[in-house]
N, C-alpha and C. Protein backbone atom coordinates (compact mmCIF):
# COMPACT_ATOMS: atom_id res chain seq x y z
N MET A 1 13.39 -5.36 0.03
CA MET A 1 12.34 -5.87 -0.75
C MET A 1 12.23 -7.43 0.02
N HIS A 2 13.04 -7.74 0.59
CA HIS A 2 12.95 -9.48 0.91
C HIS A 2 12.70 -9.50 2.36
N VAL A 3 13.73 -8.74 3.08
CA VAL A 3 13.82 -8.46 4.50
C VAL A 3 12.48 -8.03 4.88
N ALA A 4 12.29 -6.90 5.16
CA ALA A 4 11.09 -6.04 5.48
C ALA A 4 9.85 -6.52 5.63
N PRO A 5 9.03 -7.42 4.48
CA PRO A 5 7.95 -8.28 4.55
C PRO A 5 8.29 -9.49 5.65
N ARG A 6 9.29 -9.82 5.90
CA ARG A 6 9.18 -11.56 7.14
C ARG A 6 9.39 -10.69 8.49
N ILE A 7 9.88 -9.18 8.35
CA ILE A 7 10.03 -8.96 10.04
C ILE A 7 9.09 -7.70 10.41
N ASP A 8 8.37 -6.77 9.45
CA ASP A 8 7.44 -5.83 9.29
C ASP A 8 6.33 -6.62 10.46
N PRO A 9 5.56 -7.41 10.47
CA PRO A 9 4.48 -8.45 10.76
C PRO A 9 4.95 -8.18 12.01
N TRP A 10 6.00 -9.02 12.22
CA TRP A 10 6.75 -9.36 13.58
C TRP A 10 6.60 -8.42 15.00
N LEU A 11 7.94 -7.40 14.14
CA LEU A 11 7.56 -6.10 14.89
C LEU A 11 6.46 -5.48 14.94
N TYR A 12 5.12 -5.13 14.29
CA TYR A 12 4.37 -4.24 14.51
C TYR A 12 3.52 -5.22 15.57
N ARG A 13 3.37 -6.50 15.42
CA ARG A 13 2.42 -7.12 16.63
C ARG A 13 3.77 -7.01 18.20
N ILE A 14 4.90 -7.23 18.16
CA ILE A 14 5.34 -7.12 19.54
C ILE A 14 5.23 -5.48 19.95
N THR A 15 5.29 -4.59 19.10
CA THR A 15 5.02 -3.23 19.80
C THR A 15 3.69 -3.19 19.46
N HIS A 16 2.87 -3.79 19.76
CA HIS A 16 1.26 -3.43 19.42
C HIS A 16 1.09 -2.17 18.58
N GLY A 17 1.55 -2.46 17.23
CA GLY A 17 1.29 -1.41 16.53
C GLY A 17 2.55 0.30 16.55
N ARG A 18 3.68 0.26 17.49
CA ARG A 18 3.99 1.34 17.07
C ARG A 18 5.47 1.29 16.72
N TYR A 19 5.71 0.07 16.52
CA TYR A 19 6.57 0.17 14.99
C TYR A 19 5.78 0.59 13.54
N PRO A 20 6.35 1.33 12.92
CA PRO A 20 7.61 1.95 13.14
C PRO A 20 8.03 3.38 13.93
N VAL A 21 6.94 3.94 14.34
CA VAL A 21 7.34 5.09 14.56
C VAL A 21 8.53 5.81 15.56
N VAL A 22 8.21 4.54 16.31
CA VAL A 22 8.96 4.03 17.63
C VAL A 22 10.45 3.79 16.79
N MET A 23 10.74 3.42 15.96
CA MET A 23 11.85 3.67 15.14
C MET A 23 12.13 4.63 14.06
N GLY A 24 11.73 6.17 14.02
CA GLY A 24 11.79 6.93 12.84
C GLY A 24 11.76 6.53 11.61
N MET A 25 10.61 5.39 11.36
CA MET A 25 10.88 4.93 10.07
C MET A 25 9.39 5.29 9.67
N VAL A 26 9.21 4.94 8.28
CA VAL A 26 7.66 5.01 7.54
C VAL A 26 6.55 4.44 8.29
N LEU A 27 5.67 4.79 7.88
CA LEU A 27 4.58 4.24 8.32
C LEU A 27 4.09 3.30 7.73
N ASN A 28 3.96 2.19 8.29
CA ASN A 28 3.13 0.92 7.79
C ASN A 28 1.93 0.20 8.61
N ALA A 29 1.41 -0.59 8.10
CA ALA A 29 0.31 -1.38 8.95
C ALA A 29 -0.15 -2.47 8.07
N PRO A 30 -0.64 -3.40 8.68
CA PRO A 30 -1.35 -4.62 8.29
C PRO A 30 -2.86 -4.06 7.22
N LEU A 31 -2.64 -5.24 6.20
CA LEU A 31 -3.56 -4.87 5.10
C LEU A 31 -3.93 -6.56 4.96
N LEU A 32 -5.25 -6.88 5.45
CA LEU A 32 -5.63 -7.63 5.55
C LEU A 32 -7.20 -7.88 3.28
N THR A 33 -6.15 -8.80 2.96
CA THR A 33 -7.34 -8.68 1.95
C THR A 33 -7.62 -10.23 1.67
N THR A 34 -8.89 -10.52 0.85
CA THR A 34 -9.05 -11.80 -0.08
C THR A 34 -8.25 -11.77 -1.12
N GLY A 35 -7.42 -13.17 -1.04
CA GLY A 35 -6.94 -13.85 -2.48
C GLY A 35 -8.32 -13.79 -3.42
N ALA A 36 -7.73 -12.99 -4.89
CA ALA A 36 -7.99 -13.06 -5.87
C ALA A 36 -8.35 -14.22 -6.48
N LYS A 37 -7.97 -15.15 -6.48
CA LYS A 37 -8.32 -16.82 -7.08
C LYS A 37 -8.83 -17.43 -5.77
N THR A 38 -8.22 -17.86 -4.57
CA THR A 38 -7.84 -18.81 -3.39
C THR A 38 -9.41 -18.17 -2.70
N GLY A 39 -9.65 -17.23 -2.58
CA GLY A 39 -10.33 -16.72 -1.77
C GLY A 39 -9.87 -16.45 -0.32
N GLN A 40 -8.67 -16.60 0.01
CA GLN A 40 -8.10 -17.44 1.42
C GLN A 40 -7.49 -15.47 2.11
N PRO A 41 -7.67 -15.45 3.12
CA PRO A 41 -7.09 -14.42 3.69
C PRO A 41 -5.80 -14.30 3.41
N ARG A 42 -5.41 -12.78 3.06
CA ARG A 42 -3.78 -13.00 2.89
C ARG A 42 -3.24 -11.25 3.55
N LEU A 43 -2.25 -11.94 4.12
CA LEU A 43 -1.70 -10.50 5.09
C LEU A 43 -0.55 -9.83 4.43
N VAL A 44 -0.67 -8.43 4.03
CA VAL A 44 0.68 -8.22 3.68
C VAL A 44 0.92 -6.38 4.47
N HIS A 45 1.69 -6.10 5.02
CA HIS A 45 2.51 -5.05 5.61
C HIS A 45 2.65 -4.03 4.62
N VAL A 46 2.06 -2.65 4.35
CA VAL A 46 2.32 -1.98 2.95
C VAL A 46 2.09 -0.44 4.22
N VAL A 47 3.02 0.54 2.91
CA VAL A 47 3.61 1.65 3.41
C VAL A 47 2.03 2.59 3.25
N TYR A 48 1.62 3.21 4.08
CA TYR A 48 0.75 4.56 3.75
C TYR A 48 0.78 5.54 4.30
N PHE A 49 -0.32 6.63 4.16
CA PHE A 49 -0.46 7.89 4.37
C PHE A 49 -1.75 8.30 4.61
N HIS A 50 -2.37 9.57 5.08
CA HIS A 50 -3.76 10.06 5.07
C HIS A 50 -4.05 11.21 4.23
N ASP A 51 -5.47 11.00 3.65
CA ASP A 51 -5.64 12.04 2.94
C ASP A 51 -7.25 12.19 3.51
N GLY A 52 -6.58 13.16 4.61
CA GLY A 52 -8.02 13.41 5.38
C GLY A 52 -8.24 12.59 6.41
N LEU A 53 -9.30 11.66 6.41
CA LEU A 53 -9.67 10.10 7.23
C LEU A 53 -9.14 9.22 7.13
N ASP A 54 -9.03 9.12 5.26
CA ASP A 54 -8.68 7.97 4.68
C ASP A 54 -7.18 7.68 4.49
N PRO A 55 -7.31 5.94 4.69
CA PRO A 55 -5.72 5.68 4.24
C PRO A 55 -5.53 5.59 2.56
N ILE A 56 -4.16 6.15 2.50
CA ILE A 56 -3.99 6.02 1.04
C ILE A 56 -2.53 5.11 1.16
N VAL A 57 -3.01 4.11 -0.01
CA VAL A 57 -1.69 2.94 -0.20
C VAL A 57 -1.39 3.08 -1.72
N ILE A 58 0.16 2.41 -1.84
CA ILE A 58 0.56 2.61 -3.01
C ILE A 58 1.04 1.37 -3.47
N ALA A 59 0.51 0.51 -4.56
CA ALA A 59 1.01 -0.45 -4.63
C ALA A 59 1.79 -0.03 -5.73
N SER A 60 3.35 -0.09 -5.13
CA SER A 60 4.59 -0.04 -6.19
C SER A 60 5.19 -0.74 -5.99
N TYR A 61 4.84 -2.29 -5.22
CA TYR A 61 6.17 -3.36 -5.65
C TYR A 61 7.33 -3.00 -5.70
N GLY A 62 8.08 -2.06 -4.72
CA GLY A 62 9.51 -1.53 -4.76
C GLY A 62 9.82 -1.38 -6.25
N GLY A 63 8.99 -0.85 -7.44
CA GLY A 63 9.29 -0.45 -8.57
C GLY A 63 9.63 -1.70 -9.46
N GLU A 64 8.88 -2.83 -9.15
CA GLU A 64 9.17 -3.91 -10.05
C GLU A 64 7.87 -3.77 -11.44
N PRO A 65 8.75 -4.33 -12.67
CA PRO A 65 7.20 -3.66 -13.56
C PRO A 65 5.98 -4.77 -13.32
N LYS A 66 6.24 -5.47 -11.92
CA LYS A 66 4.32 -6.40 -12.19
C LYS A 66 4.12 -5.46 -10.93
N ASN A 67 2.39 -5.60 -10.85
CA ASN A 67 1.73 -5.30 -9.39
C ASN A 67 2.05 -6.60 -8.74
N PRO A 68 1.94 -6.05 -7.17
CA PRO A 68 1.94 -6.66 -6.18
C PRO A 68 0.49 -7.82 -5.75
N GLN A 69 1.14 -8.90 -5.68
CA GLN A 69 -0.13 -9.44 -5.46
C GLN A 69 -1.45 -8.85 -4.95
N TRP A 70 -0.74 -7.93 -4.06
CA TRP A 70 -2.18 -7.31 -2.82
C TRP A 70 -2.97 -6.95 -3.92
N TYR A 71 -2.58 -5.80 -4.99
CA TYR A 71 -3.43 -5.42 -6.03
C TYR A 71 -4.35 -6.01 -6.49
N TYR A 72 -4.35 -7.11 -7.31
CA TYR A 72 -5.36 -8.39 -7.75
C TYR A 72 -6.29 -8.75 -6.63
N ASN A 73 -5.79 -8.89 -5.38
CA ASN A 73 -6.48 -9.43 -4.33
C ASN A 73 -7.69 -7.88 -3.96
N LEU A 74 -7.30 -6.51 -4.49
CA LEU A 74 -8.14 -5.93 -4.16
C LEU A 74 -9.14 -5.61 -5.04
N LYS A 75 -8.81 -5.19 -6.21
CA LYS A 75 -9.33 -5.66 -7.19
C LYS A 75 -10.50 -6.74 -7.19
N ALA A 76 -10.47 -7.76 -7.12
CA ALA A 76 -11.13 -9.09 -7.33
C ALA A 76 -11.81 -8.65 -5.82
N HIS A 77 -11.28 -8.20 -4.66
CA HIS A 77 -12.38 -8.28 -3.30
C HIS A 77 -12.11 -7.16 -2.60
N PRO A 78 -12.63 -5.74 -2.90
CA PRO A 78 -12.53 -4.49 -2.60
C PRO A 78 -12.74 -4.39 -1.08
N GLU A 79 -13.63 -5.19 -0.58
CA GLU A 79 -13.50 -5.34 1.02
C GLU A 79 -12.19 -5.79 1.91
N CYS A 80 -11.81 -5.09 2.64
CA CYS A 80 -10.61 -5.21 3.23
C CYS A 80 -10.30 -4.71 4.97
N ARG A 81 -9.48 -5.16 5.90
CA ARG A 81 -9.04 -4.56 6.58
C ARG A 81 -8.21 -4.04 6.46
N PHE A 82 -7.84 -2.89 6.92
CA PHE A 82 -6.37 -2.22 7.27
C PHE A 82 -6.47 -2.09 9.00
N GLY A 83 -5.67 -2.34 9.88
CA GLY A 83 -5.19 -2.49 10.85
C GLY A 83 -5.83 -3.30 11.27
N ASP A 84 -7.04 -2.68 12.47
CA ASP A 84 -7.60 -3.04 13.16
C ASP A 84 -9.45 -3.03 12.71
N GLU A 85 -9.89 -2.42 11.15
CA GLU A 85 -10.52 -1.37 10.97
C GLU A 85 -11.15 -2.06 9.43
N GLY A 86 -12.36 -1.76 8.91
CA GLY A 86 -12.72 -2.53 7.52
C GLY A 86 -12.72 -1.43 6.82
N TYR A 87 -12.62 -1.67 5.69
CA TYR A 87 -12.78 -0.92 4.69
C TYR A 87 -13.15 -1.74 3.22
N ILE A 88 -13.35 -0.50 2.45
CA ILE A 88 -13.52 -0.89 1.24
C ILE A 88 -12.36 -0.02 0.12
N ALA A 89 -11.43 -0.67 -0.46
CA ALA A 89 -10.66 0.06 -1.49
C ALA A 89 -10.68 0.56 -2.55
N THR A 90 -10.47 1.44 -3.01
CA THR A 90 -11.14 1.85 -4.68
C THR A 90 -9.62 2.75 -5.09
N GLU A 91 -9.64 2.27 -6.10
CA GLU A 91 -8.36 2.35 -7.16
C GLU A 91 -8.92 4.01 -7.93
N VAL A 92 -7.78 4.51 -7.27
CA VAL A 92 -7.99 6.13 -8.05
C VAL A 92 -7.25 6.34 -9.05
N THR A 93 -8.31 6.50 -10.20
CA THR A 93 -8.35 6.69 -11.23
C THR A 93 -7.94 7.71 -12.35
N ASP A 94 -8.78 8.88 -11.43
CA ASP A 94 -8.79 10.22 -11.69
C ASP A 94 -7.35 10.86 -11.94
N PRO A 95 -7.10 11.49 -13.21
CA PRO A 95 -5.65 12.14 -13.64
C PRO A 95 -5.22 12.81 -12.56
N ASP A 96 -5.84 14.36 -12.03
CA ASP A 96 -5.63 14.78 -11.09
C ASP A 96 -5.52 14.55 -9.88
N GLU A 97 -6.70 13.99 -9.37
CA GLU A 97 -6.43 13.17 -8.07
C GLU A 97 -5.39 12.80 -8.14
N TYR A 98 -4.82 10.98 -9.05
CA TYR A 98 -3.92 10.33 -8.83
C TYR A 98 -2.04 11.37 -8.84
N ALA A 99 -2.36 12.02 -9.57
CA ALA A 99 -1.15 13.11 -9.53
C ALA A 99 -0.99 13.82 -7.83
N ARG A 100 -2.02 14.23 -7.38
CA ARG A 100 -2.19 15.11 -5.79
C ARG A 100 -2.11 14.00 -4.91
N LEU A 101 -2.59 12.79 -5.23
CA LEU A 101 -2.24 11.47 -4.28
C LEU A 101 -0.24 11.15 -4.19
N TYR A 102 -0.11 11.37 -5.32
CA TYR A 102 1.10 10.51 -5.70
C TYR A 102 2.73 11.56 -5.30
N GLU A 103 2.02 13.10 -5.75
CA GLU A 103 3.12 13.63 -4.66
C GLU A 103 3.19 13.91 -3.24
N LEU A 104 1.84 13.53 -2.78
CA LEU A 104 1.91 12.99 -1.90
C LEU A 104 2.77 11.87 -1.19
N ALA A 105 2.42 11.22 -1.63
CA ALA A 105 2.74 9.49 -1.37
C ALA A 105 4.53 10.20 -1.37
N GLU A 106 5.53 10.62 -2.64
CA GLU A 106 6.57 11.06 -2.18
C GLU A 106 7.21 11.95 -1.44
N ARG A 107 6.36 12.51 -0.55
CA ARG A 107 6.18 13.15 0.31
C ARG A 107 6.67 12.31 1.65
N VAL A 108 5.75 11.38 1.46
CA VAL A 108 5.81 10.27 2.70
C VAL A 108 7.17 9.44 2.75
N TYR A 109 7.59 9.43 1.47
CA TYR A 109 8.87 8.38 1.08
C TYR A 109 9.13 8.51 0.32
N SER A 110 11.00 9.08 0.12
CA SER A 110 10.99 9.37 -1.43
C SER A 110 11.06 8.59 -2.43
N GLY A 111 11.24 7.35 -1.85
CA GLY A 111 11.50 5.88 -3.04
C GLY A 111 10.21 5.80 -3.72
N PHE A 112 9.31 6.65 -3.38
CA PHE A 112 7.82 5.95 -4.32
C PHE A 112 8.38 6.70 -5.75
N GLY A 113 9.10 8.46 -5.65
CA GLY A 113 9.95 9.21 -6.73
C GLY A 113 10.50 8.40 -7.27
N ASP A 114 11.52 7.62 -6.64
CA ASP A 114 12.42 6.59 -7.61
C ASP A 114 11.71 5.26 -8.20
N TYR A 115 10.76 4.83 -7.76
CA TYR A 115 9.94 4.02 -8.28
C TYR A 115 9.23 4.27 -9.47
N ARG A 116 8.59 5.61 -9.46
CA ARG A 116 7.59 6.08 -10.45
C ARG A 116 8.90 6.41 -11.93
N ALA A 117 9.90 6.56 -11.75
CA ALA A 117 11.11 7.30 -12.47
C ALA A 117 11.47 6.24 -13.58
N LYS A 118 11.87 5.10 -12.42
CA LYS A 118 11.92 3.75 -12.99
C LYS A 118 10.69 3.44 -13.71
N MET A 119 9.49 3.59 -13.61
CA MET A 119 9.09 2.93 -14.79
C MET A 119 8.56 3.38 -15.80
N ALA A 120 8.74 4.89 -15.23
CA ALA A 120 8.43 6.05 -16.71
C ALA A 120 9.72 5.83 -17.73
N ALA A 121 11.16 5.52 -17.08
CA ALA A 121 12.26 5.41 -18.19
C ALA A 121 11.92 3.68 -19.13
N THR A 122 11.60 3.29 -18.12
CA THR A 122 11.15 1.50 -19.04
C THR A 122 10.09 1.56 -20.07
N GLY A 123 8.96 2.53 -19.87
CA GLY A 123 7.73 2.28 -20.15
C GLY A 123 6.75 1.36 -20.02
N GLY A 124 6.90 1.46 -18.12
CA GLY A 124 6.51 0.56 -17.67
C GLY A 124 5.09 0.70 -17.09
N ARG A 125 4.09 0.32 -15.79
CA ARG A 125 3.10 0.07 -15.85
C ARG A 125 3.11 1.38 -14.85
N ARG A 126 1.74 2.07 -14.78
CA ARG A 126 1.33 2.79 -13.76
C ARG A 126 1.56 2.77 -12.35
N ILE A 127 2.03 3.19 -11.34
CA ILE A 127 1.88 2.51 -10.18
C ILE A 127 0.18 2.69 -9.88
N PRO A 128 -0.37 2.04 -9.60
CA PRO A 128 -1.57 2.14 -8.63
C PRO A 128 -1.61 2.99 -7.14
N VAL A 129 -2.75 3.79 -7.72
CA VAL A 129 -3.01 4.45 -5.70
C VAL A 129 -3.96 3.71 -5.29
N PHE A 130 -4.27 3.03 -4.11
CA PHE A 130 -5.86 3.01 -3.70
C PHE A 130 -5.57 3.86 -2.66
N ARG A 131 -7.63 4.20 -2.64
CA ARG A 131 -8.26 4.83 -0.86
C ARG A 131 -8.97 3.96 -0.39
N LEU A 132 -8.37 3.73 1.04
CA LEU A 132 -9.15 2.84 1.83
C LEU A 132 -10.62 3.95 2.36
N THR A 133 -11.62 3.62 2.12
CA THR A 133 -12.79 4.36 3.13
C THR A 133 -13.70 3.26 3.71
N PRO A 134 -13.80 3.84 5.11
CA PRO A 134 -14.20 3.18 5.84
C PRO A 134 -15.38 2.55 5.80
N CYS A 135 -16.14 1.06 6.00
CA CYS A 135 -17.36 0.40 5.27
C CYS A 135 -18.34 0.82 6.88
């Protein structure tokens, strides 16, 4: 949680987006948001998968009790860039759709299941799921 955010952007750049696929790792890509308070651009690499053509991102924050900062950025400013394309982020609130997408997320990265179990055991937050729709 402390090392990957520092090296993922560098590896993504030098491999022209082929990292982490070439290393057999979970897919991640750069998400460029607008700061909720500052209005400044904020770049973070996030794990994702596709549901149809739409990328899906999970604001898990490693199972921590609070949401990642990029969650608040997307809530305040849903327009974002993911990879090299523009998107509108929408939080998935429908319970059935949320359950379906979170199950898919657990297939992509088993850690999402661990994070959800940790939150359930502590009575913590519901981990947000966002659908990114092309603008």
